[in-house]
Amino acid sequence: MGERTCSAPDCEKPSGSHKLCAMHRNRWRRHGSYELPVQPPQPPLGICPIPGCETRLVRGRQLCGMHRARYRRNGHYDKVRRRNPKRVRICIVEGCSMHAGGRMCSTHYLRLKNTGTTDLPPPRPPSAWDQGNGYLMTVDHACPIANRAGRVYVHRRALFDAIGLGPHECHWCHCHVNWFAGLHVDHVDTDRRNNAATNLVPSCQPCNARRTNRWTKRHAA
């Protein structure tokens, strides 16, 4: 037995118990016809009659949405200004323009609470770290012999502060060396952690490379 189709004209959808598909059954119940009723054309919306307003009317109303809301809220069409606008507080710290909940912004309030002053704390001295070869590295952007990132070995900075820019002579062979071409900082006692200025001497690369504890004792004798 084949599937029954809707009895409405030109409809091939399967029908239910009323010999109609769900769409045509709903149309018949609502409108008494299988076809949708023709909707009358809607008149174009006009312009709000309030002077200076060019907004279209709300459909079925005589005002635009803004003026209708003003009239319902205030009883007239004019804009109402707040008599007591909310006061915006600014941080009392000189040079700060941030909003403040009390007298200060959150940044200066927490700084005062933690340090006792609203001023920035002095910069901490850069800490040194081991490069893995026994030498200590630090950051000092003001040091002339530091690299572009401001990094410099602690023993090189200590000797530079002691003897200056130079030029200098190698402590062992007395050849000329300078900080940017061939000057190596040599630890006299071969202890890489002893960065006292009295333990550091300028050296050329060959002398610095061949020095050992035995060579140091023989050379000192």
C-alpha atoms as a PDB file:
ATOM      1  CA  MET A   1       0.000   0.000   0.000  1.00  0.00           C
ATOM      2  CA  GLY A   2       1.515   3.302  -1.107  1.00  0.00           C
ATOM      3  CA  GLU A   3       2.038   6.273   1.132  1.00  0.00           C
ATOM      4  CA  ARG A   4      -0.851   8.726   1.163  1.00  0.00           C
ATOM      5  CA  THR A   5      -0.126  12.273   0.109  1.00  0.00           C
ATOM      6  CA  CYS A   6      -1.676  15.584   1.105  1.00  0.00           C
ATOM      7  CA  SER A   7      -5.076  16.322  -0.540  1.00  0.00           C
ATOM      8  CA  ALA A   8      -4.239  20.028  -0.978  1.00  0.00           C
ATOM      9  CA  PRO A   9      -3.654  21.047  -4.590  1.00  0.00           C
ATOM     10  CA  ASP A  10      -0.079  20.668  -5.877  1.00  0.00           C
ATOM     11  CA  CYS A  11       1.183  19.250  -2.547  1.00  0.00           C
ATOM     12  CA  GLU A  12       2.984  15.925  -2.516  1.00  0.00           C
ATOM     13  CA  LYS A  13       3.900  15.842   1.175  1.00  0.00           C
ATOM     14  CA  PRO A  14       2.794  12.807   3.179  1.00  0.00           C
ATOM     15  CA  SER A  15      -0.572  13.311   4.879  1.00  0.00           C
ATOM     16  CA  GLY A  16      -1.686  12.473   8.371  1.00  0.00           C
ATOM     17  CA  SER A  17      -5.012  11.364   9.764  1.00  0.00           C
ATOM     18  CA  HIS A  18      -6.887  14.332   8.217  1.00  0.00           C
ATOM     19  CA  LYS A  19      -5.602  13.713   4.686  1.00  0.00           C
ATOM     20  CA  LEU A  20      -3.538  16.897   4.943  1.00  0.00           C
ATOM     21  CA  CYS A  21       0.087  17.565   5.662  1.00  0.00           C
ATOM     22  CA  ALA A  22       0.994  19.453   8.815  1.00  0.00           C
ATOM     23  CA  MET A  23       1.531  22.754   6.953  1.00  0.00           C
ATOM     24  CA  HIS A  24      -1.863  22.794   5.168  1.00  0.00           C
ATOM     25  CA  ARG A  25      -3.682  21.514   8.255  1.00  0.00           C
ATOM     26  CA  ASN A  26      -2.346  24.465  10.286  1.00  0.00           C
ATOM     27  CA  ARG A  27      -3.273  26.917   7.520  1.00  0.00           C
ATOM     28  CA  TRP A  28      -6.823  25.535   7.380  1.00  0.00           C
ATOM     29  CA  ARG A  29      -7.200  25.838  11.144  1.00  0.00           C
ATOM     30  CA  ARG A  30      -5.929  29.424  11.282  1.00  0.00           C
ATOM     31  CA  HIS A  31      -7.239  30.973   8.054  1.00  0.00           C
ATOM     32  CA  GLY A  32      -9.866  28.525   6.701  1.00  0.00           C
ATOM     33  CA  SER A  33      -7.890  28.127   3.487  1.00  0.00           C
ATOM     34  CA  TYR A  34      -4.896  26.237   2.179  1.00  0.00           C
ATOM     35  CA  GLU A  35      -3.288  29.476   0.945  1.00  0.00           C
ATOM     36  CA  LEU A  36      -1.670  32.146   3.058  1.00  0.00           C
ATOM     37  CA  PRO A  37      -3.759  35.321   3.377  1.00  0.00           C
ATOM     38  CA  VAL A  38      -2.494  38.331   1.523  1.00  0.00           C
ATOM     39  CA  GLN A  39      -1.080  40.879   3.972  1.00  0.00           C
ATOM     40  CA  PRO A  40      -2.057  44.474   3.280  1.00  0.00           C
ATOM     41  CA  PRO A  41       0.923  46.703   2.505  1.00  0.00           C
ATOM     42  CA  GLN A  42       2.250  48.550   5.513  1.00  0.00           C
ATOM     43  CA  PRO A  43       2.268  52.324   5.239  1.00  0.00           C
ATOM     44  CA  PRO A  44       5.728  53.868   5.338  1.00  0.00           C
ATOM     45  CA  LEU A  45       6.891  55.090   8.715  1.00  0.00           C
ATOM     46  CA  GLY A  46       6.857  58.805   9.190  1.00  0.00           C
ATOM     47  CA  ILE A  47       9.326  61.122  10.907  1.00  0.00           C
ATOM     48  CA  CYS A  48       9.128  62.082  14.560  1.00  0.00           C
ATOM     49  CA  PRO A  49       7.184  65.389  14.864  1.00  0.00           C
ATOM     50  CA  ILE A  50       9.485  66.777  17.574  1.00  0.00           C
ATOM     51  CA  PRO A  51      11.450  69.749  16.108  1.00  0.00           C
ATOM     52  CA  GLY A  52      15.028  68.834  15.225  1.00  0.00           C
ATOM     53  CA  CYS A  53      14.402  65.073  15.312  1.00  0.00           C
ATOM     54  CA  GLU A  54      14.671  63.139  12.051  1.00  0.00           C
ATOM     55  CA  THR A  55      14.241  59.655  13.498  1.00  0.00           C
ATOM     56  CA  ARG A  56      11.507  57.403  12.129  1.00  0.00           C
ATOM     57  CA  LEU A  57       8.442  56.725  14.211  1.00  0.00           C
ATOM     58  CA  VAL A  58       7.893  53.542  16.150  1.00  0.00           C
ATOM     59  CA  ARG A  59       5.278  51.531  14.287  1.00  0.00           C
ATOM     60  CA  GLY A  60       1.852  52.210  15.747  1.00  0.00           C
ATOM     61  CA  ARG A  61       3.117  55.226  17.725  1.00  0.00           C
ATOM     62  CA  GLN A  62       3.300  58.952  17.123  1.00  0.00           C
ATOM     63  CA  LEU A  63       6.856  59.420  18.410  1.00  0.00           C
ATOM     64  CA  CYS A  64      10.271  57.933  17.902  1.00  0.00           C
ATOM     65  CA  GLY A  65      11.623  55.557  20.512  1.00  0.00           C
ATOM     66  CA  MET A  66      13.847  58.141  22.203  1.00  0.00           C
ATOM     67  CA  HIS A  67      11.206  60.847  22.666  1.00  0.00           C
ATOM     68  CA  ARG A  68       8.579  58.293  23.649  1.00  0.00           C
ATOM     69  CA  ALA A  69      10.876  56.995  26.411  1.00  0.00           C
ATOM     70  CA  ARG A  70      11.642  60.549  27.594  1.00  0.00           C
ATOM     71  CA  TYR A  71       7.955  61.394  27.796  1.00  0.00           C
ATOM     72  CA  ARG A  72       7.129  58.242  29.721  1.00  0.00           C
ATOM     73  CA  ARG A  73      10.032  58.826  32.131  1.00  0.00           C
ATOM     74  CA  ASN A  74       9.983  62.619  32.631  1.00  0.00           C
ATOM     75  CA  GLY A  75       6.641  63.838  31.282  1.00  0.00           C
ATOM     76  CA  HIS A  76       8.254  65.965  28.538  1.00  0.00           C
ATOM     77  CA  TYR A  77      10.457  65.523  25.476  1.00  0.00           C
ATOM     78  CA  ASP A  78      13.537  67.485  26.550  1.00  0.00           C
ATOM     79  CA  LYS A  79      16.746  65.847  27.702  1.00  0.00           C
ATOM     80  CA  VAL A  80      17.188  65.911  31.463  1.00  0.00           C
ATOM     81  CA  ARG A  81      20.628  66.751  32.800  1.00  0.00           C
ATOM     82  CA  ARG A  82      21.760  65.368  36.085  1.00  0.00           C
ATOM     83  CA  ARG A  83      21.811  68.005  38.779  1.00  0.00           C
ATOM     84  CA  ASN A  84      24.511  66.253  40.788  1.00  0.00           C
ATOM     85  CA  PRO A  85      26.776  64.423  38.362  1.00  0.00           C
ATOM     86  CA  LYS A  86      28.965  61.705  39.822  1.00  0.00           C
ATOM     87  CA  ARG A  87      32.226  63.155  41.055  1.00  0.00           C
ATOM     88  CA  VAL A  88      35.325  61.617  39.535  1.00  0.00           C
ATOM     89  CA  ARG A  89      38.178  61.499  42.007  1.00  0.00           C
ATOM     90  CA  ILE A  90      41.773  61.783  40.852  1.00  0.00           C
ATOM     91  CA  CYS A  91      44.762  60.441  42.731  1.00  0.00           C
ATOM     92  CA  ILE A  92      46.287  63.092  44.987  1.00  0.00           C
ATOM     93  CA  VAL A  93      49.872  62.048  44.159  1.00  0.00           C
ATOM     94  CA  GLU A  94      51.534  64.728  42.044  1.00  0.00           C
ATOM     95  CA  GLY A  95      51.814  63.771  38.394  1.00  0.00           C
ATOM     96  CA  CYS A  96      49.246  60.935  38.615  1.00  0.00           C
ATOM     97  CA  SER A  97      45.986  61.220  36.670  1.00  0.00           C
ATOM     98  CA  MET A  98      44.511  57.832  37.526  1.00  0.00           C
ATOM     99  CA  HIS A  99      41.049  57.526  39.047  1.00  0.00           C
ATOM    100  CA  ALA A 100      41.006  57.022  42.798  1.00  0.00           C
ATOM    101  CA  GLY A 101      38.483  55.151  44.890  1.00  0.00           C
ATOM    102  CA  GLY A 102      39.540  57.103  47.972  1.00  0.00           C
ATOM    103  CA  ARG A 103      42.407  59.577  47.961  1.00  0.00           C
ATOM    104  CA  MET A 104      44.874  57.553  45.876  1.00  0.00           C
ATOM    105  CA  CYS A 105      44.806  55.186  42.958  1.00  0.00           C
ATOM    106  CA  SER A 106      45.360  51.501  43.641  1.00  0.00           C
ATOM    107  CA  THR A 107      49.016  51.649  42.501  1.00  0.00           C
ATOM    108  CA  HIS A 108      50.087  54.405  44.908  1.00  0.00           C
ATOM    109  CA  TYR A 109      47.901  53.058  47.707  1.00  0.00           C
ATOM    110  CA  LEU A 110      49.547  49.627  47.602  1.00  0.00           C
ATOM    111  CA  ARG A 111      53.010  51.198  47.221  1.00  0.00           C
ATOM    112  CA  LEU A 112      52.395  53.351  50.311  1.00  0.00           C
ATOM    113  CA  LYS A 113      51.042  50.371  52.219  1.00  0.00           C
ATOM    114  CA  ASN A 114      53.997  48.105  51.382  1.00  0.00           C
ATOM    115  CA  THR A 115      56.937  50.540  51.389  1.00  0.00           C
ATOM    116  CA  GLY A 116      55.718  53.527  53.419  1.00  0.00           C
ATOM    117  CA  THR A 117      56.118  55.975  50.534  1.00  0.00           C
ATOM    118  CA  THR A 118      54.487  56.665  47.178  1.00  0.00           C
ATOM    119  CA  ASP A 119      57.848  57.058  45.423  1.00  0.00           C
ATOM    120  CA  LEU A 120      59.336  54.295  43.318  1.00  0.00           C
ATOM    121  CA  PRO A 121      61.858  52.188  45.256  1.00  0.00           C
ATOM    122  CA  PRO A 122      65.509  52.573  44.210  1.00  0.00           C
ATOM    123  CA  PRO A 123      66.614  50.077  41.567  1.00  0.00           C
ATOM    124  CA  ARG A 124      68.014  46.921  43.007  1.00  0.00           C
ATOM    125  CA  PRO A 125      71.668  46.169  42.274  1.00  0.00           C
ATOM    126  CA  PRO A 126      71.900  43.575  39.529  1.00  0.00           C
ATOM    127  CA  SER A 127      72.580  40.137  40.871  1.00  0.00           C
ATOM    128  CA  ALA A 128      75.364  37.969  39.470  1.00  0.00           C
ATOM    129  CA  TRP A 129      74.958  34.433  38.193  1.00  0.00           C
ATOM    130  CA  ASP A 130      77.287  31.642  37.217  1.00  0.00           C
ATOM    131  CA  GLN A 131      77.743  31.137  33.498  1.00  0.00           C
ATOM    132  CA  GLY A 132      78.566  27.469  34.011  1.00  0.00           C
ATOM    133  CA  ASN A 133      82.320  27.964  33.485  1.00  0.00           C
ATOM    134  CA  GLY A 134      83.040  29.330  36.961  1.00  0.00           C
ATOM    135  CA  TYR A 135      82.877  33.004  35.968  1.00  0.00           C
ATOM    136  CA  LEU A 136      80.169  35.301  37.307  1.00  0.00           C
ATOM    137  CA  MET A 137      78.053  37.405  34.938  1.00  0.00           C
ATOM    138  CA  THR A 138      76.046  40.501  35.850  1.00  0.00           C
ATOM    139  CA  VAL A 139      74.088  43.305  34.152  1.00  0.00           C
ATOM    140  CA  ASP A 140      75.435  46.860  34.122  1.00  0.00           C
ATOM    141  CA  HIS A 141      74.264  49.050  31.241  1.00  0.00           C
ATOM    142  CA  ALA A 142      76.504  51.912  32.376  1.00  0.00           C
ATOM    143  CA  CYS A 143      79.707  49.868  32.054  1.00  0.00           C
ATOM    144  CA  PRO A 144      81.621  50.802  28.840  1.00  0.00           C
ATOM    145  CA  ILE A 145      82.851  47.247  28.265  1.00  0.00           C
ATOM    146  CA  ALA A 146      79.401  45.620  28.583  1.00  0.00           C
ATOM    147  CA  ASN A 147      77.782  44.074  25.515  1.00  0.00           C
ATOM    148  CA  ARG A 148      74.634  45.398  23.838  1.00  0.00           C
ATOM    149  CA  ALA A 149      72.427  43.622  26.372  1.00  0.00           C
ATOM    150  CA  GLY A 150      74.336  45.264  29.241  1.00  0.00           C
ATOM    151  CA  ARG A 151      75.944  42.001  30.358  1.00  0.00           C
ATOM    152  CA  VAL A 152      79.519  41.971  31.618  1.00  0.00           C
ATOM    153  CA  TYR A 153      81.677  39.560  33.590  1.00  0.00           C
ATOM    154  CA  VAL A 154      82.136  40.549  37.225  1.00  0.00           C
ATOM    155  CA  HIS A 155      85.945  40.153  37.109  1.00  0.00           C
ATOM    156  CA  ARG A 156      86.238  42.288  33.954  1.00  0.00           C
ATOM    157  CA  ARG A 157      84.149  45.067  35.480  1.00  0.00           C
ATOM    158  CA  ALA A 158      86.157  44.931  38.719  1.00  0.00           C
ATOM    159  CA  LEU A 159      89.488  45.319  36.897  1.00  0.00           C
ATOM    160  CA  PHE A 160      88.082  48.036  34.610  1.00  0.00           C
ATOM    161  CA  ASP A 161      86.973  50.043  37.660  1.00  0.00           C
ATOM    162  CA  ALA A 162      90.492  49.643  39.093  1.00  0.00           C
ATOM    163  CA  ILE A 163      92.735  50.430  36.083  1.00  0.00           C
ATOM    164  CA  GLY A 164      90.440  52.315  33.676  1.00  0.00           C
ATOM    165  CA  LEU A 165      90.141  52.184  29.908  1.00  0.00           C
ATOM    166  CA  GLY A 166      93.866  52.017  29.124  1.00  0.00           C
ATOM    167  CA  PRO A 167      95.719  51.022  26.935  1.00  0.00           C
ATOM    168  CA  HIS A 168      97.589  48.569  29.201  1.00  0.00           C
ATOM    169  CA  GLU A 169     100.385  46.037  29.138  1.00  0.00           C
ATOM    170  CA  CYS A 170     100.170  42.324  29.733  1.00  0.00           C
ATOM    171  CA  HIS A 171     101.180  41.593  33.316  1.00  0.00           C
ATOM    172  CA  TRP A 172     103.308  38.610  32.192  1.00  0.00           C
ATOM    173  CA  CYS A 173     104.903  39.418  28.821  1.00  0.00           C
ATOM    174  CA  HIS A 174     104.404  43.229  28.763  1.00  0.00           C
ATOM    175  CA  CYS A 175     102.825  43.329  25.311  1.00  0.00           C
ATOM    176  CA  HIS A 176     100.214  45.996  24.602  1.00  0.00           C
ATOM    177  CA  VAL A 177      96.564  45.017  25.061  1.00  0.00           C
ATOM    178  CA  ASN A 178      93.274  46.928  25.263  1.00  0.00           C
ATOM    179  CA  TRP A 179      89.786  46.114  26.397  1.00  0.00           C
ATOM    180  CA  PHE A 180      88.300  45.703  22.944  1.00  0.00           C
ATOM    181  CA  ALA A 181      91.137  43.728  21.316  1.00  0.00           C
ATOM    182  CA  GLY A 182      93.023  41.046  23.174  1.00  0.00           C
ATOM    183  CA  LEU A 183      92.840  42.065  26.851  1.00  0.00           C
ATOM    184  CA  HIS A 184      92.009  39.134  29.115  1.00  0.00           C
ATOM    185  CA  VAL A 185      91.511  39.454  32.851  1.00  0.00           C
ATOM    186  CA  ASP A 186      93.726  36.966  34.695  1.00  0.00           C
ATOM    187  CA  HIS A 187      93.162  35.743  38.235  1.00  0.00           C
ATOM    188  CA  VAL A 188      96.554  35.682  39.976  1.00  0.00           C
ATOM    189  CA  ASP A 189      95.610  32.852  42.357  1.00  0.00           C
ATOM    190  CA  THR A 190      93.675  31.040  39.539  1.00  0.00           C
ATOM    191  CA  ASP A 191      90.508  31.200  41.643  1.00  0.00           C
ATOM    192  CA  ARG A 192      87.713  32.290  39.321  1.00  0.00           C
ATOM    193  CA  ARG A 193      85.499  33.282  42.251  1.00  0.00           C
ATOM    194  CA  ASN A 194      88.058  35.643  43.777  1.00  0.00           C
ATOM    195  CA  ASN A 195      87.185  38.856  41.964  1.00  0.00           C
ATOM    196  CA  ALA A 196      89.024  41.264  44.238  1.00  0.00           C
ATOM    197  CA  ALA A 197      90.866  43.996  42.339  1.00  0.00           C
ATOM    198  CA  THR A 198      94.184  42.952  43.933  1.00  0.00           C
ATOM    199  CA  ASN A 199      93.763  39.450  42.475  1.00  0.00           C
ATOM    200  CA  LEU A 200      93.121  40.635  38.899  1.00  0.00           C
ATOM    201  CA  VAL A 201      95.701  41.642  36.291  1.00  0.00           C
ATOM    202  CA  PRO A 202      95.481  42.402  32.573  1.00  0.00           C
ATOM    203  CA  SER A 203      96.830  39.660  30.353  1.00  0.00           C
ATOM    204  CA  CYS A 204      97.129  38.762  26.692  1.00  0.00           C
ATOM    205  CA  GLN A 205      95.371  35.697  25.351  1.00  0.00           C
ATOM    206  CA  PRO A 206      98.450  33.388  25.052  1.00  0.00           C
ATOM    207  CA  CYS A 207      99.631  34.090  28.605  1.00  0.00           C
ATOM    208  CA  ASN A 208      96.146  33.657  30.000  1.00  0.00           C
ATOM    209  CA  ALA A 209      95.665  30.370  28.150  1.00  0.00           C
ATOM    210  CA  ARG A 210      98.895  28.633  29.219  1.00  0.00           C
ATOM    211  CA  ARG A 211      98.839  29.651  32.880  1.00  0.00           C
ATOM    212  CA  THR A 212      98.289  26.891  35.466  1.00  0.00           C
ATOM    213  CA  ASN A 213      98.854  26.613  39.202  1.00  0.00           C
ATOM    214  CA  ARG A 214     102.305  25.054  38.629  1.00  0.00           C
ATOM    215  CA  TRP A 215     103.257  27.736  36.095  1.00  0.00           C
ATOM    216  CA  THR A 216     102.117  30.469  38.528  1.00  0.00           C
ATOM    217  CA  LYS A 217     104.241  29.154  41.399  1.00  0.00           C
ATOM    218  CA  ARG A 218     107.335  28.789  39.176  1.00  0.00           C
ATOM    219  CA  HIS A 219     106.843  32.248  37.648  1.00  0.00           C
ATOM    220  CA  ALA A 220     106.351  33.818  41.091  1.00  0.00           C
ATOM    221  CA  ALA A 221     109.518  32.145  42.384  1.00  0.00           C
END
